Amino acid sequence: MTPKATRWIKSLCTVLMGFAFYYSLMPYLPPGARHRPLTLDLGVVVAAWCCLCMYGIIETGAFLIRRLRTRK
C-alpha cells in the first residue's frame, strides 16, 4: 500500500471514530458542548478534540506496532 493511501485510511478512521465517540458522548455533555446544526459553536470544538484524541491513539498504536516488528 502506498504511503498516501495509508495516510488517507488513517485520516478516514480518525474522523469516523472521533465523531462516533463524540455522538456517543453527546447525551451526557452539558448543553453548551452539544453541537447545533448549521452553527459554529463549542460542540464543533469538542468534536474536533475527540477526532484529535483518536488520531493520537491511532498513531501511537501504529508506532508501537512498527517498534515491535523491528525488534523481532
N, C-alpha and C. Protein backbone atom coordinates (compact mmCIF):
# COMPACT_ATOMS: atom_id res chain seq x y z
N MET A 1 0.84 -1.17 0.00
CA MET A 1 0.00 0.00 0.00
C MET A 1 0.90 1.24 0.00
N THR A 2 0.52 2.22 -0.75
CA THR A 2 1.33 3.44 -0.84
C THR A 2 1.17 4.27 0.43
N PRO A 3 2.18 5.10 0.73
CA PRO A 3 2.08 5.96 1.93
C PRO A 3 0.87 6.91 1.88
N LYS A 4 0.53 7.37 0.68
CA LYS A 4 -0.60 8.29 0.54
C LYS A 4 -1.91 7.57 0.89
N ALA A 5 -2.05 6.34 0.45
CA ALA A 5 -3.25 5.57 0.76
C ALA A 5 -3.33 5.26 2.25
N THR A 6 -2.19 4.97 2.85
CA THR A 6 -2.16 4.69 4.28
C THR A 6 -2.58 5.91 5.09
N ARG A 7 -2.07 7.08 4.72
CA ARG A 7 -2.46 8.32 5.41
C ARG A 7 -3.95 8.60 5.25
N TRP A 8 -4.48 8.33 4.04
CA TRP A 8 -5.89 8.58 3.78
C TRP A 8 -6.76 7.67 4.65
N ILE A 9 -6.38 6.40 4.76
CA ILE A 9 -7.14 5.45 5.57
C ILE A 9 -7.07 5.84 7.05
N LYS A 10 -5.88 6.24 7.51
CA LYS A 10 -5.75 6.69 8.90
C LYS A 10 -6.63 7.92 9.17
N SER A 11 -6.64 8.85 8.24
CA SER A 11 -7.45 10.06 8.41
C SER A 11 -8.93 9.73 8.43
N LEU A 12 -9.35 8.85 7.54
CA LEU A 12 -10.76 8.44 7.50
C LEU A 12 -11.16 7.75 8.79
N CYS A 13 -10.34 6.84 9.27
CA CYS A 13 -10.63 6.15 10.53
C CYS A 13 -10.66 7.13 11.70
N THR A 14 -9.75 8.09 11.69
CA THR A 14 -9.71 9.09 12.75
C THR A 14 -11.01 9.87 12.82
N VAL A 15 -11.49 10.36 11.69
CA VAL A 15 -12.71 11.16 11.67
C VAL A 15 -13.92 10.32 12.04
N LEU A 16 -14.03 9.12 11.48
CA LEU A 16 -15.18 8.28 11.78
C LEU A 16 -15.22 7.87 13.25
N MET A 17 -14.08 7.46 13.78
CA MET A 17 -14.04 7.05 15.18
C MET A 17 -14.24 8.25 16.12
N GLY A 18 -13.67 9.39 15.75
CA GLY A 18 -13.82 10.59 16.57
C GLY A 18 -15.26 11.05 16.67
N PHE A 19 -15.95 11.08 15.53
CA PHE A 19 -17.35 11.50 15.55
C PHE A 19 -18.24 10.45 16.20
N ALA A 20 -17.93 9.18 16.02
CA ALA A 20 -18.70 8.13 16.71
C ALA A 20 -18.57 8.28 18.22
N PHE A 21 -17.34 8.57 18.67
CA PHE A 21 -17.11 8.79 20.10
C PHE A 21 -17.86 10.03 20.59
N TYR A 22 -17.80 11.11 19.81
CA TYR A 22 -18.48 12.35 20.19
C TYR A 22 -19.99 12.14 20.27
N TYR A 23 -20.57 11.49 19.25
CA TYR A 23 -22.02 11.31 19.25
C TYR A 23 -22.48 10.32 20.32
N SER A 24 -21.60 9.41 20.73
CA SER A 24 -21.97 8.53 21.83
C SER A 24 -21.92 9.27 23.16
N LEU A 25 -21.07 10.29 23.27
CA LEU A 25 -21.00 11.10 24.49
C LEU A 25 -22.01 12.23 24.52
N MET A 26 -22.55 12.60 23.38
CA MET A 26 -23.36 13.81 23.28
C MET A 26 -24.53 13.87 24.27
N PRO A 27 -25.25 12.79 24.54
CA PRO A 27 -26.35 12.91 25.52
C PRO A 27 -25.87 13.26 26.94
N TYR A 28 -24.61 12.98 27.24
CA TYR A 28 -24.09 13.23 28.58
C TYR A 28 -23.35 14.56 28.70
N LEU A 29 -23.15 15.24 27.59
CA LEU A 29 -22.45 16.53 27.60
C LEU A 29 -23.38 17.64 28.07
N PRO A 30 -22.82 18.69 28.66
CA PRO A 30 -23.67 19.83 29.02
C PRO A 30 -24.22 20.48 27.75
N PRO A 31 -25.35 21.15 27.85
CA PRO A 31 -25.98 21.73 26.66
C PRO A 31 -25.05 22.64 25.84
N GLY A 32 -24.15 23.34 26.48
CA GLY A 32 -23.25 24.23 25.75
C GLY A 32 -22.25 23.49 24.88
N ALA A 33 -21.94 22.24 25.22
CA ALA A 33 -20.95 21.47 24.46
C ALA A 33 -21.59 20.59 23.40
N ARG A 34 -22.89 20.66 23.24
CA ARG A 34 -23.58 19.90 22.20
C ARG A 34 -23.65 20.72 20.93
N HIS A 35 -23.41 20.08 19.81
CA HIS A 35 -23.43 20.79 18.53
C HIS A 35 -24.86 20.99 18.06
N ARG A 36 -25.13 22.20 17.60
CA ARG A 36 -26.40 22.52 16.97
C ARG A 36 -26.16 22.67 15.48
N PRO A 37 -27.00 22.08 14.65
CA PRO A 37 -26.79 22.12 13.19
C PRO A 37 -26.65 23.55 12.66
N LEU A 38 -25.77 23.69 11.69
CA LEU A 38 -25.55 24.94 10.95
C LEU A 38 -25.08 26.10 11.83
N THR A 39 -24.39 25.79 12.92
CA THR A 39 -23.82 26.84 13.75
C THR A 39 -22.38 26.47 14.10
N LEU A 40 -21.59 27.48 14.34
CA LEU A 40 -20.22 27.27 14.80
C LEU A 40 -20.23 27.51 16.31
N ASP A 41 -20.15 26.41 17.05
CA ASP A 41 -20.29 26.51 18.49
C ASP A 41 -19.25 25.65 19.20
N LEU A 42 -19.36 25.56 20.49
CA LEU A 42 -18.42 24.77 21.28
C LEU A 42 -18.49 23.28 20.93
N GLY A 43 -19.64 22.82 20.47
CA GLY A 43 -19.78 21.42 20.08
C GLY A 43 -18.84 21.04 18.96
N VAL A 44 -18.56 21.94 18.04
CA VAL A 44 -17.61 21.68 16.95
C VAL A 44 -16.21 21.51 17.52
N VAL A 45 -15.87 22.32 18.49
CA VAL A 45 -14.54 22.22 19.13
C VAL A 45 -14.41 20.90 19.88
N VAL A 46 -15.45 20.50 20.58
CA VAL A 46 -15.41 19.23 21.31
C VAL A 46 -15.30 18.06 20.33
N ALA A 47 -16.03 18.11 19.23
CA ALA A 47 -15.96 17.05 18.22
C ALA A 47 -14.56 16.98 17.60
N ALA A 48 -13.97 18.13 17.32
CA ALA A 48 -12.61 18.16 16.76
C ALA A 48 -11.61 17.61 17.77
N TRP A 49 -11.81 17.91 19.04
CA TRP A 49 -10.93 17.39 20.08
C TRP A 49 -11.02 15.87 20.15
N CYS A 50 -12.24 15.34 20.01
CA CYS A 50 -12.41 13.87 20.01
C CYS A 50 -11.67 13.26 18.83
N CYS A 51 -11.73 13.90 17.66
CA CYS A 51 -11.00 13.40 16.48
C CYS A 51 -9.50 13.47 16.72
N LEU A 52 -9.03 14.52 17.35
CA LEU A 52 -7.61 14.66 17.64
C LEU A 52 -7.13 13.57 18.60
N CYS A 53 -7.95 13.26 19.59
CA CYS A 53 -7.60 12.17 20.52
C CYS A 53 -7.54 10.83 19.78
N MET A 54 -8.48 10.58 18.90
CA MET A 54 -8.47 9.33 18.13
C MET A 54 -7.23 9.26 17.24
N TYR A 55 -6.83 10.40 16.67
CA TYR A 55 -5.62 10.43 15.85
C TYR A 55 -4.41 10.04 16.69
N GLY A 56 -4.34 10.57 17.90
CA GLY A 56 -3.23 10.22 18.79
C GLY A 56 -3.22 8.75 19.13
N ILE A 57 -4.39 8.17 19.36
CA ILE A 57 -4.47 6.75 19.68
C ILE A 57 -4.04 5.90 18.49
N ILE A 58 -4.50 6.26 17.30
CA ILE A 58 -4.14 5.50 16.09
C ILE A 58 -2.64 5.60 15.81
N GLU A 59 -2.08 6.80 15.91
CA GLU A 59 -0.65 6.97 15.65
C GLU A 59 0.21 6.27 16.70
N THR A 60 -0.23 6.30 17.95
CA THR A 60 0.50 5.59 19.00
C THR A 60 0.48 4.09 18.74
N GLY A 61 -0.67 3.56 18.35
CA GLY A 61 -0.78 2.15 18.02
C GLY A 61 0.10 1.77 16.84
N ALA A 62 0.11 2.61 15.81
CA ALA A 62 0.95 2.33 14.64
C ALA A 62 2.43 2.37 15.01
N PHE A 63 2.81 3.32 15.86
CA PHE A 63 4.20 3.41 16.31
C PHE A 63 4.61 2.16 17.08
N LEU A 64 3.74 1.72 18.00
CA LEU A 64 4.06 0.54 18.79
C LEU A 64 4.14 -0.72 17.94
N ILE A 65 3.28 -0.83 16.95
CA ILE A 65 3.33 -1.99 16.04
C ILE A 65 4.63 -1.98 15.25
N ARG A 66 5.01 -0.80 14.71
CA ARG A 66 6.28 -0.72 13.97
C ARG A 66 7.46 -1.06 14.86
N ARG A 67 7.42 -0.59 16.10
CA ARG A 67 8.52 -0.86 17.02
C ARG A 67 8.63 -2.34 17.37
N LEU A 68 7.49 -3.00 17.56
CA LEU A 68 7.51 -4.43 17.86
C LEU A 68 8.01 -5.25 16.67
N ARG A 69 7.65 -4.83 15.47
CA ARG A 69 8.10 -5.56 14.27
C ARG A 69 9.59 -5.45 14.05
N THR A 70 10.18 -4.32 14.40
CA THR A 70 11.63 -4.14 14.19
C THR A 70 12.43 -4.89 15.23
N ARG A 71 11.85 -5.18 16.38
CA ARG A 71 12.57 -5.91 17.43
C ARG A 71 12.70 -7.40 17.13
N LYS A 72 11.82 -7.93 16.32
CA LYS A 72 11.85 -9.37 16.04
C LYS A 72 12.90 -9.74 15.05
